[in-house]
C-alpha atoms as a PDB file:
ATOM      1  CA  MET A   1     -15.638 -16.159  -4.792  1.00  0.00           C
ATOM      2  CA  THR A   2     -12.013 -15.994  -4.890  1.00  0.00           C
ATOM      3  CA  THR A   3     -10.385 -14.592  -8.650  1.00  0.00           C
ATOM      4  CA  ASN A   4      -6.714 -13.713  -9.091  1.00  0.00           C
ATOM      5  CA  ASN A   5      -5.732 -12.560  -5.552  1.00  0.00           C
ATOM      6  CA  MET A   6      -9.196 -10.911  -4.864  1.00  0.00           C
ATOM      7  CA  THR A   7     -12.046 -12.032  -2.976  1.00  0.00           C
ATOM      8  CA  VAL A   8     -15.154 -10.663  -3.007  1.00  0.00           C
ATOM      9  CA  ASN A   9     -17.983 -11.589  -0.079  1.00  0.00           C
ATOM     10  CA  GLY A  10     -20.781  -9.335  -0.799  1.00  0.00           C
ATOM     11  CA  ASP A  11     -19.534  -5.911  -0.839  1.00  0.00           C
ATOM     12  CA  THR A  12     -16.370  -6.696   0.790  1.00  0.00           C
ATOM     13  CA  ARG A  13     -13.080  -7.150  -1.114  1.00  0.00           C
ATOM     14  CA  ASP A  14      -9.614  -7.935  -0.462  1.00  0.00           C
ATOM     15  CA  ARG A  15      -6.433  -7.090  -2.785  1.00  0.00           C
ATOM     16  CA  THR A  16      -3.347  -7.966  -2.040  1.00  0.00           C
ATOM     17  CA  ASP A  17      -1.521  -7.773  -5.917  1.00  0.00           C
ATOM     18  CA  LEU A  18      -1.598  -3.683  -5.090  1.00  0.00           C
ATOM     19  CA  TYR A  19       1.619  -2.194  -3.766  1.00  0.00           C
ATOM     20  CA  HIS A  20       3.703  -4.622  -4.645  1.00  0.00           C
ATOM     21  CA  GLY A  21       2.222  -7.117  -2.083  1.00  0.00           C
ATOM     22  CA  LEU A  22       3.247  -5.079   0.688  1.00  0.00           C
ATOM     23  CA  PHE A  23      -0.061  -4.233   1.990  1.00  0.00           C
ATOM     24  CA  ARG A  24      -3.547  -5.319   1.740  1.00  0.00           C
ATOM     25  CA  TRP A  25      -6.354  -3.275   0.300  1.00  0.00           C
ATOM     26  CA  HIS A  26      -9.747  -4.124   1.460  1.00  0.00           C
ATOM     27  CA  THR A  27     -13.110  -2.293   2.758  1.00  0.00           C
ATOM     28  CA  GLY A  28     -13.526  -1.608   6.311  1.00  0.00           C
ATOM     29  CA  ASP A  29     -16.410  -2.261   9.026  1.00  0.00           C
ATOM     30  CA  ASN A  30     -17.914   1.597   7.744  1.00  0.00           C
ATOM     31  CA  GLY A  31     -17.444   0.538   4.091  1.00  0.00           C
ATOM     32  CA  ARG A  32     -14.838   2.601   3.262  1.00  0.00           C
ATOM     33  CA  PRO A  33     -11.189   1.426   1.731  1.00  0.00           C
ATOM     34  CA  LEU A  34      -8.239   0.765   3.872  1.00  0.00           C
ATOM     35  CA  VAL A  35      -4.654  -0.465   3.700  1.00  0.00           C
ATOM     36  CA  SER A  36      -3.548  -2.605   6.420  1.00  0.00           C
ATOM     37  CA  HIS A  37      -0.102  -4.567   6.672  1.00  0.00           C
ATOM     38  CA  HIS A  38      -0.064  -8.016   4.660  1.00  0.00           C
ATOM     39  CA  ALA A  39       1.654 -10.438   6.359  1.00  0.00           C
ATOM     40  CA  ALA A  40       3.436 -12.459   3.474  1.00  0.00           C
ATOM     41  CA  GLY A  41       4.492  -9.242   1.907  1.00  0.00           C
ATOM     42  CA  PRO A  42       7.830  -9.013   0.287  1.00  0.00           C
ATOM     43  CA  ALA A  43      11.182  -7.748   2.082  1.00  0.00           C
ATOM     44  CA  SER A  44      12.048  -5.710  -0.792  1.00  0.00           C
ATOM     45  CA  ILE A  45      10.225  -3.981  -4.059  1.00  0.00           C
ATOM     46  CA  PRO A  46      11.879  -2.387  -7.131  1.00  0.00           C
ATOM     47  CA  CYS A  47      12.921   1.251  -7.405  1.00  0.00           C
ATOM     48  CA  PRO A  48      10.574   3.135  -9.762  1.00  0.00           C
ATOM     49  CA  THR A  49      13.400   4.451 -11.450  1.00  0.00           C
ATOM     50  CA  THR A  50      16.440   2.002 -11.609  1.00  0.00           C
ATOM     51  CA  GLY A  51      14.170  -1.420 -10.990  1.00  0.00           C
ATOM     52  CA  HIS A  52      16.592  -2.102  -8.607  1.00  0.00           C
ATOM     53  CA  LEU A  53      15.499  -4.059  -5.232  1.00  0.00           C
ATOM     54  CA  LEU A  54      14.962  -1.944  -2.277  1.00  0.00           C
ATOM     55  CA  ARG A  55      14.867  -3.303   1.149  1.00  0.00           C
ATOM     56  CA  VAL A  56      11.977  -2.599   3.632  1.00  0.00           C
ATOM     57  CA  SER A  57      12.977  -1.043   7.035  1.00  0.00           C
ATOM     58  CA  THR A  58       9.656   0.174   8.550  1.00  0.00           C
ATOM     59  CA  LEU A  59       5.435  -0.255   7.484  1.00  0.00           C
ATOM     60  CA  ASP A  60       2.488   1.852   8.778  1.00  0.00           C
ATOM     61  CA  ALA A  61      -0.485   0.672   7.948  1.00  0.00           C
ATOM     62  CA  GLU A  62      -4.012   1.902   8.047  1.00  0.00           C
ATOM     63  CA  ALA A  63      -2.494   5.477   8.912  1.00  0.00           C
ATOM     64  CA  ALA A  64      -4.816   8.263   8.262  1.00  0.00           C
ATOM     65  CA  ALA A  65      -3.289  10.769   5.708  1.00  0.00           C
ATOM     66  CA  ILE A  66      -3.805  12.891   2.650  1.00  0.00           C
ATOM     67  CA  CYS A  67      -2.355  11.452  -0.833  1.00  0.00           C
ATOM     68  CA  PRO A  68      -0.374  13.230  -2.541  1.00  0.00           C
ATOM     69  CA  GLU A  69      -1.593  12.249  -5.768  1.00  0.00           C
ATOM     70  CA  CYS A  70      -5.023  12.166  -5.959  1.00  0.00           C
ATOM     71  CA  ALA A  71      -5.902  14.199  -2.122  1.00  0.00           C
ATOM     72  CA  HIS A  72      -8.141  11.259  -0.832  1.00  0.00           C
ATOM     73  CA  TYR A  73      -7.992  11.363   2.420  1.00  0.00           C
ATOM     74  CA  GLY A  74      -8.212   7.591   4.292  1.00  0.00           C
ATOM     75  CA  GLN A  75      -6.663   4.821   5.744  1.00  0.00           C
ATOM     76  CA  GLY A  76      -3.259   4.302   3.740  1.00  0.00           C
ATOM     77  CA  GLY A  77       0.281   2.774   4.677  1.00  0.00           C
ATOM     78  CA  PHE A  78       3.651   4.130   4.556  1.00  0.00           C
ATOM     79  CA  VAL A  79       6.701   2.399   3.480  1.00  0.00           C
ATOM     80  CA  SER A  80      10.408   3.388   3.870  1.00  0.00           C
ATOM     81  CA  PHE A  81      13.368   1.294   2.822  1.00  0.00           C
ATOM     82  CA  ASP A  82      16.740   0.353   4.291  1.00  0.00           C
ATOM     83  CA  GLY A  83      19.348   3.193   2.865  1.00  0.00           C
ATOM     84  CA  ASP A  84      17.323   5.193   0.575  1.00  0.00           C
ATOM     85  CA  LEU A  85      15.614   8.600   1.884  1.00  0.00           C
ATOM     86  CA  ARG A  86      12.512   8.325   0.261  1.00  0.00           C
ATOM     87  CA  MET A  87       9.073   6.870   1.472  1.00  0.00           C
ATOM     88  CA  ALA A  88       6.093   5.157  -0.538  1.00  0.00           C
ATOM     89  CA  TYR A  89       2.499   5.964   0.413  1.00  0.00           C
ATOM     90  CA  ALA A  90      -0.059   3.158  -0.237  1.00  0.00           C
ATOM     91  CA  CYS A  91      -3.364   4.976  -1.081  1.00  0.00           C
ATOM     92  CA  PRO A  92      -6.676   3.510  -0.750  1.00  0.00           C
ATOM     93  CA  GLY A  93      -8.442   5.509  -2.820  1.00  0.00           C
ATOM     94  CA  CYS A  94      -6.378   5.935  -6.043  1.00  0.00           C
ATOM     95  CA  ARG A  95      -4.939   2.365  -5.195  1.00  0.00           C
ATOM     96  CA  GLN A  96      -1.054   3.639  -6.330  1.00  0.00           C
ATOM     97  CA  LEU A  97       2.107   3.480  -4.185  1.00  0.00           C
ATOM     98  CA  VAL A  98       2.964   6.922  -4.446  1.00  0.00           C
ATOM     99  CA  TRP A  99       6.374   7.875  -4.203  1.00  0.00           C
ATOM    100  CA  LEU A 100       7.399  10.780  -1.964  1.00  0.00           C
ATOM    101  CA  SER A 101      11.019  12.552  -2.048  1.00  0.00           C
ATOM    102  CA  GLY A 102      13.280  12.054   0.627  1.00  0.00           C
ATOM    103  CA  ALA A 103      14.964  14.441   3.184  1.00  0.00           C
END
């Protein structure tokens, strides 16, 4: 069954509507949520403070990390931007794109 960018096959859900479409949230073979690269993701996303578009530089998916927002340990995703020192973490636990301060 497919509804609004979410596919449900038994216990497996696949969502591309989270994280501004940069990543794909789904459950892994072990049943735990994880974030992988979404091939059809956008080239830029809006800045959370100004709304100006930030051009995506790099994406790192299925990266083991602890979310700075909810402290969930999981396989999330990192995104960096051209001309901006900030990064963002796509958390599979709280399903938020958490912005990190730049250096």
